[in-house]
Protein backbone atom coordinates (compact mmCIF):
# COMPACT_ATOMS: atom_id res chain seq x y z
CA MET A 1 78.20 109.93 59.43
CA SER A 2 79.64 113.41 59.98
CA ALA A 3 82.50 114.85 58.25
CA ASN A 4 85.70 115.29 61.08
CA PRO A 5 85.10 119.15 62.45
CA LYS A 6 88.54 119.75 62.58
CA PHE A 7 90.99 119.09 59.90
CA ILE A 8 94.80 119.48 60.33
CA ALA A 9 97.12 118.36 57.63
CA ALA A 10 99.63 117.46 59.53
CA THR A 11 97.56 114.19 60.83
CA ALA A 12 96.51 113.84 57.70
CA HIS A 13 96.09 110.12 56.88
CA VAL A 14 95.11 107.94 53.34
CA ASP A 15 92.49 105.51 54.40
CA GLU A 16 93.71 101.86 54.48
CA ALA A 17 90.43 100.15 52.22
CA ALA A 18 91.96 103.22 49.49
CA ILE A 19 95.05 101.19 48.94
CA GLN A 20 94.05 97.49 49.68
CA PRO A 21 94.75 95.54 46.91
CA LEU A 22 91.53 94.66 44.72
CA PRO A 23 90.25 90.94 44.76
CA SER A 24 90.93 88.77 41.51
CA SER A 25 93.71 91.50 39.42
CA ARG A 26 96.83 92.87 40.09
CA LYS A 27 98.24 96.30 39.88
CA VAL A 28 100.59 96.04 36.22
CA TYR A 29 102.54 98.41 34.01
CA VAL A 30 102.65 99.23 30.37
CA GLU A 31 105.53 101.52 29.65
CA GLY A 32 104.58 104.88 27.69
CA SER A 33 106.23 106.79 25.32
CA ARG A 34 109.39 106.95 27.37
CA ALA A 35 111.04 104.55 29.81
CA ASP A 36 110.22 106.69 32.67
CA LEU A 37 106.75 106.63 31.72
CA ARG A 38 104.57 104.03 33.25
CA VAL A 39 100.91 103.29 32.72
CA PRO A 40 99.09 101.93 35.69
CA MET A 41 97.35 99.00 34.29
CA ARG A 42 95.25 96.66 36.52
CA GLU A 43 95.15 92.86 35.21
CA ILE A 44 92.06 90.86 36.00
CA THR A 45 91.17 87.50 36.87
CA GLN A 46 88.47 86.41 34.75
CA SER A 47 86.33 83.48 35.86
CA ASP A 48 86.46 80.45 33.60
CA THR A 49 82.99 79.79 31.61
CA PRO A 50 81.61 76.27 31.93
CA THR A 51 80.26 75.00 28.07
CA THR A 52 78.32 71.35 27.34
CA SER A 53 82.06 70.59 26.71
CA GLY A 54 83.44 71.03 29.42
CA VAL A 55 85.60 74.27 30.27
CA GLU A 56 86.42 77.35 28.83
CA HIS A 57 89.42 79.50 30.07
CA ASN A 58 89.01 83.19 29.93
CA PRO A 59 92.46 84.89 30.03
CA PRO A 60 93.05 87.66 32.43
CA LEU A 61 91.31 90.57 31.04
CA THR A 62 93.52 93.99 31.19
CA VAL A 63 91.86 97.86 31.83
CA TYR A 64 93.73 100.94 32.78
CA ASP A 65 93.72 101.47 36.39
CA THR A 66 92.94 105.40 37.39
CA SER A 67 93.66 104.61 41.37
CA GLY A 68 97.39 105.16 39.94
CA PRO A 69 99.62 104.09 42.74
CA TYR A 70 97.11 103.34 44.81
CA THR A 71 96.50 99.95 45.31
CA ASP A 72 99.87 99.14 44.62
CA PRO A 73 101.44 97.17 47.49
CA GLU A 74 105.05 98.40 46.24
CA VAL A 75 104.06 101.92 46.90
CA LYS A 76 104.07 103.68 49.75
CA ILE A 77 101.20 106.57 49.53
CA ASP A 78 101.58 109.53 51.54
CA ILE A 79 99.17 111.99 50.79
CA ARG A 80 100.86 114.86 53.15
CA SER A 81 103.35 114.61 50.69
CA GLY A 82 101.34 114.18 47.87
CA LEU A 83 102.34 111.45 45.18
CA PRO A 84 105.12 111.54 42.62
CA ALA A 85 106.18 113.80 39.42
CA VAL A 86 106.70 110.71 37.92
CA ARG A 87 105.57 112.64 34.55
CA ALA A 88 108.03 115.71 34.87
CA ALA A 89 111.20 115.35 33.51
CA TRP A 90 108.61 114.26 30.10
CA ILE A 91 106.93 117.75 30.89
CA VAL A 92 110.15 120.02 30.82
CA ASP A 93 112.34 117.52 28.03
CA ARG A 94 108.92 119.18 25.87
CA GLY A 95 109.60 122.13 26.00
CA ASP A 96 106.50 123.77 25.52
CA SER A 97 106.36 124.73 29.00
CA GLU A 98 107.93 126.98 31.94
CA SER A 99 107.58 126.04 35.49
CA LEU A 100 106.22 129.65 37.15
CA PRO A 101 106.95 130.61 41.10
CA GLY A 102 103.78 130.15 42.48
CA PRO A 103 100.14 130.47 41.64
CA SER A 104 99.61 133.21 39.19
CA SER A 105 95.40 134.27 40.01
CA ARG A 106 94.35 136.55 42.30
CA PHE A 107 92.60 134.02 44.04
CA GLY A 108 95.63 131.71 44.84
CA VAL A 109 97.99 133.99 45.90
CA GLU A 110 95.48 135.03 48.33
CA ARG A 111 94.69 131.21 49.85
CA LEU A 112 98.95 130.97 49.63
CA ASN A 113 98.88 134.04 52.27
CA ASP A 114 95.95 133.25 54.24
CA PRO A 115 97.51 132.86 57.58
CA LYS A 116 94.49 130.77 58.41
CA LEU A 117 94.86 127.91 56.25
CA SER A 118 98.20 127.13 57.66
CA GLU A 119 97.72 124.04 59.44
CA LEU A 120 95.33 122.43 56.11
CA ARG A 121 98.25 122.80 54.27
CA PHE A 122 99.96 119.62 52.81
CA GLY A 123 104.32 119.68 52.34
CA LEU A 124 103.46 119.90 48.80
CA HIS A 125 106.66 121.97 46.24
CA ARG A 126 105.84 121.55 43.20
CA LYS A 127 105.68 124.72 41.36
CA PRO A 128 102.54 125.54 39.16
CA ARG A 129 103.30 125.30 34.81
CA ARG A 130 101.86 127.49 32.17
CA ALA A 131 102.87 127.37 28.47
CA HIS A 132 105.33 129.08 26.37
CA ALA A 133 103.37 132.36 24.56
CA GLY A 134 102.23 131.50 22.11
CA LEU A 135 102.13 127.76 22.16
CA ARG A 136 99.64 125.72 24.33
CA SER A 137 101.01 122.56 25.74
CA ILE A 138 100.22 119.16 24.37
CA GLY A 139 100.33 116.57 27.18
CA PRO A 140 97.24 115.16 28.86
């Protein structure tokens, strides 16, 4: 299998296999420290266990789901737009960081200004953030 020799952001799409629900499980969310923070979890159905006295029913097992909004049938995934900034309000409300006008490294600025990379860029408009002077960010 060979890689796509000409990747163009305008025609990029997510593979259907990446967004299909997983078998014998369902996406659930657990509320975080605030009502607007929802942690994606996966509730996995377990098979019954046969025993000498009959069948033991096993409860579902809930685990952290690293796929985020992927595999949630209620979410429309568009990789050209990026994922929603679900923690943005929480990060701003902490008051420990500031928004930057753009990349702060020389490398990032060079890439941003390189016209040869324009067809590779997605429509992402989220600005980078940095901790306030003398502070460090406390979030993940």
